[in-house]
Amino acid sequence: MKGDLRVRAGHLLARYRFRKRKDSLISFSETLSAAQSVMVVLPLAENEPAQYQSVTKLLVRRFKGQHITVIATDHAVDVMRLLPRSTIVHFRHDELNRVYLPRPDLQERFDRRRPDITIDLNLDFLLPSAYICKATGASIRIGFSRRFADDYYNFIIRPDRTLARKMNYDRLAEFLQKF
């Protein structure tokens, strides 16, 4: 209950901070095809990298291992093997404020990067990852359908809750491969 209240407060604060940002009208297929850089927010909970390996392999092929920024918590050390030439921005949960938004020093670390695409691999709504995607100012922000998703992403994938996490990530990779 207390955590849910803090998430709501963080969501309201994020909406206030982004109130003047309006998404421009874009062609998703053209923008995805022309993208030069991508930022991926890995699952913030401890997950096996094998679950989202199909997405990381696709990104390595598409961007030739370069121009990929990965946002990860400290438990995601294995990502260095999957994305060896990418830029990795690690953060700890104590770098979030009481309402789960990034503190200024963390915000500064990912503000330096201006990706064309951001992809949030968290299947459940986690305010820090959603906020990071929106704050980057990327023209395409891809996330999974969940509570508040419309406020942070402009391209929403509906996960099939009956499938395993790996299968949902595989479906996302299949979709991204079309561009």
Protein backbone atom coordinates (compact mmCIF):
# COMPACT_ATOMS: atom_id res chain seq x y z
CA MET A 1 0.00 0.00 0.00
CA LYS A 2 2.74 2.44 1.00
CA GLY A 3 4.82 1.49 -2.07
CA ASP A 4 1.82 1.91 -4.36
CA LEU A 5 1.22 5.40 -2.97
CA ARG A 6 4.85 6.30 -3.65
CA VAL A 7 4.57 4.98 -7.23
CA ARG A 8 1.46 7.11 -7.78
CA ALA A 9 3.23 10.16 -6.36
CA GLY A 10 6.23 9.48 -8.62
CA HIS A 11 3.95 9.05 -11.62
CA LEU A 12 2.23 12.37 -10.90
CA LEU A 13 5.60 14.09 -10.48
CA ALA A 14 6.81 12.58 -13.77
CA ARG A 15 3.67 13.73 -15.58
CA TYR A 16 4.24 17.22 -14.19
CA ARG A 17 7.88 17.24 -15.36
CA PHE A 18 6.91 16.06 -18.86
CA ARG A 19 3.77 18.21 -19.18
CA LYS A 20 5.25 20.44 -21.91
CA ARG A 21 6.74 17.62 -23.96
CA LYS A 22 4.58 16.69 -26.90
CA ASP A 23 5.39 13.85 -29.25
CA SER A 24 5.61 14.91 -32.85
CA LEU A 25 3.92 12.98 -35.60
CA ILE A 26 6.37 10.45 -37.05
CA SER A 27 6.42 7.45 -39.34
CA PHE A 28 7.37 4.54 -37.12
CA SER A 29 8.66 2.35 -39.96
CA GLU A 30 10.88 5.11 -41.38
CA THR A 31 12.16 6.17 -37.96
CA LEU A 32 12.92 2.59 -36.90
CA SER A 33 14.69 1.87 -40.18
CA ALA A 34 16.77 5.05 -40.04
CA ALA A 35 17.69 4.78 -36.36
CA GLN A 36 21.39 5.18 -35.60
CA SER A 37 21.36 4.50 -31.85
CA VAL A 38 19.32 2.62 -29.30
CA MET A 39 19.01 2.60 -25.52
CA VAL A 40 17.83 -0.57 -23.83
CA VAL A 41 16.56 -0.64 -20.26
CA LEU A 42 17.14 -4.16 -18.98
CA PRO A 43 14.73 -5.76 -16.53
CA LEU A 44 15.35 -4.19 -13.14
CA ALA A 45 14.49 -7.38 -11.28
CA GLU A 46 17.00 -10.20 -11.36
CA ASN A 47 16.42 -12.13 -14.57
CA GLU A 48 18.41 -14.56 -16.59
CA PRO A 49 19.95 -12.77 -19.59
CA ALA A 50 19.01 -15.80 -21.69
CA GLN A 51 15.39 -14.67 -21.44
CA TYR A 52 16.00 -11.48 -23.44
CA GLN A 53 18.98 -12.75 -25.45
CA SER A 54 16.98 -12.75 -28.70
CA VAL A 55 16.48 -8.98 -28.37
CA THR A 56 20.14 -8.30 -27.54
CA LYS A 57 21.35 -10.45 -30.45
CA LEU A 58 19.06 -8.58 -32.81
CA LEU A 59 20.36 -5.22 -31.58
CA VAL A 60 23.98 -6.32 -31.95
CA ARG A 61 23.30 -7.36 -35.56
CA ARG A 62 21.27 -4.25 -36.37
CA PHE A 63 23.68 -1.73 -34.79
CA LYS A 64 26.85 -3.80 -35.29
CA GLY A 65 27.43 -3.77 -31.54
CA GLN A 66 27.92 0.00 -31.51
CA HIS A 67 25.65 2.89 -30.61
CA ILE A 68 23.87 0.75 -28.05
CA THR A 69 23.42 2.11 -24.53
CA VAL A 70 22.29 -0.29 -21.85
CA ILE A 71 20.70 0.82 -18.60
CA ALA A 72 21.09 -1.90 -15.98
CA THR A 73 21.13 -2.44 -12.27
CA ASP A 74 24.20 -3.97 -10.66
CA HIS A 75 22.89 -7.54 -10.89
CA ALA A 76 23.01 -7.44 -14.71
CA VAL A 77 26.76 -8.06 -15.00
CA ASP A 78 26.26 -10.77 -17.64
CA VAL A 79 25.06 -8.15 -20.10
CA MET A 80 28.69 -7.23 -20.78
CA ARG A 81 29.11 -10.59 -22.49
CA LEU A 82 25.96 -10.13 -24.58
CA LEU A 83 26.72 -6.55 -25.60
CA PRO A 84 30.51 -6.22 -25.38
CA ARG A 85 30.99 -2.96 -27.33
CA SER A 86 28.00 -1.09 -25.96
CA THR A 87 27.93 1.64 -23.35
CA ILE A 88 26.59 0.36 -20.05
CA VAL A 89 25.11 2.71 -17.47
CA HIS A 90 24.83 0.90 -14.14
CA PHE A 91 22.69 2.18 -11.36
CA ARG A 92 21.74 1.14 -7.86
CA HIS A 93 18.33 1.40 -6.27
CA ASP A 94 19.67 3.98 -3.82
CA GLU A 95 20.14 6.31 -6.81
CA LEU A 96 16.35 6.61 -6.98
CA ASN A 97 14.45 9.05 -4.80
CA ARG A 98 11.57 8.18 -2.46
CA VAL A 99 9.05 8.19 -5.31
CA TYR A 100 11.21 5.93 -7.53
CA LEU A 101 12.45 8.61 -9.91
CA PRO A 102 16.16 8.99 -10.74
CA ARG A 103 18.18 11.35 -8.58
CA PRO A 104 19.93 14.20 -10.46
CA ASP A 105 23.31 12.41 -10.71
CA LEU A 106 21.72 9.33 -12.31
CA GLN A 107 19.58 11.52 -14.56
CA GLU A 108 22.73 13.29 -15.72
CA ARG A 109 24.40 9.99 -16.68
CA PHE A 110 21.70 8.94 -19.09
CA ASP A 111 20.88 12.49 -20.25
CA ARG A 112 24.23 12.61 -22.05
CA ARG A 113 22.93 10.06 -24.52
CA ARG A 114 20.27 10.95 -27.07
CA PRO A 115 19.15 7.67 -28.63
CA ASP A 116 16.77 7.41 -31.57
CA ILE A 117 14.99 4.47 -29.94
CA THR A 118 14.53 3.36 -26.35
CA ILE A 119 13.34 -0.12 -25.48
CA ASP A 120 12.12 -1.01 -22.01
CA LEU A 121 12.39 -4.75 -21.42
CA ASN A 122 10.47 -4.72 -18.13
CA LEU A 123 7.24 -6.63 -18.63
CA ASP A 124 5.71 -5.15 -15.47
CA PHE A 125 5.34 -1.44 -14.83
CA LEU A 126 8.41 -0.09 -13.08
CA LEU A 127 8.43 3.66 -12.78
CA PRO A 128 12.25 4.10 -12.97
CA SER A 129 12.54 2.34 -16.34
CA ALA A 130 9.47 4.06 -17.79
CA TYR A 131 10.74 7.45 -16.64
CA ILE A 132 14.19 6.86 -18.12
CA CYS A 133 12.65 5.98 -21.50
CA LYS A 134 10.57 9.15 -21.57
CA ALA A 135 13.36 11.38 -20.22
CA THR A 136 15.77 10.42 -23.01
CA GLY A 137 13.66 12.27 -25.55
CA ALA A 138 13.94 9.40 -28.02
CA SER A 139 11.59 9.68 -30.98
CA ILE A 140 10.48 6.06 -30.48
CA ARG A 141 9.96 4.66 -27.01
CA ILE A 142 8.99 0.98 -27.01
CA GLY A 143 7.49 -0.63 -23.94
CA PHE A 144 5.08 -3.32 -22.91
CA SER A 145 1.42 -2.62 -22.27
CA ARG A 146 0.66 -2.06 -18.61
CA ARG A 147 -0.65 0.57 -16.20
CA PHE A 148 0.43 4.11 -17.18
CA ALA A 149 2.19 2.87 -20.36
CA ASP A 150 0.53 5.54 -22.52
CA ASP A 151 2.24 8.27 -20.52
CA TYR A 152 5.77 6.99 -21.19
CA TYR A 153 5.83 5.04 -24.47
CA ASN A 154 4.66 5.85 -27.95
CA PHE A 155 4.95 2.28 -29.23
CA ILE A 156 3.32 -0.28 -26.97
CA ILE A 157 3.61 -4.07 -27.28
CA ARG A 158 0.96 -6.17 -25.59
CA PRO A 159 2.61 -9.12 -23.83
CA ASP A 160 0.81 -12.43 -23.67
CA ARG A 161 0.58 -13.16 -19.94
CA THR A 162 0.03 -16.87 -20.65
CA LEU A 163 3.46 -17.17 -22.27
CA ALA A 164 6.80 -17.34 -20.51
CA ARG A 165 8.89 -14.16 -20.36
CA LYS A 166 11.34 -15.53 -22.92
CA MET A 167 8.54 -16.05 -25.44
CA ASN A 168 7.37 -12.45 -25.03
CA TYR A 169 10.91 -11.21 -25.63
CA ASP A 170 11.20 -13.48 -28.67
CA ARG A 171 8.00 -11.96 -30.04
CA LEU A 172 9.41 -8.47 -29.51
CA ALA A 173 12.61 -9.44 -31.37
CA GLU A 174 10.57 -10.88 -34.25
CA PHE A 175 8.64 -7.65 -34.49
CA LEU A 176 11.77 -5.45 -34.40
CA GLN A 177 13.43 -7.61 -37.03
CA LYS A 178 10.89 -6.40 -39.60
CA PHE A 179 12.53 -2.98 -39.63
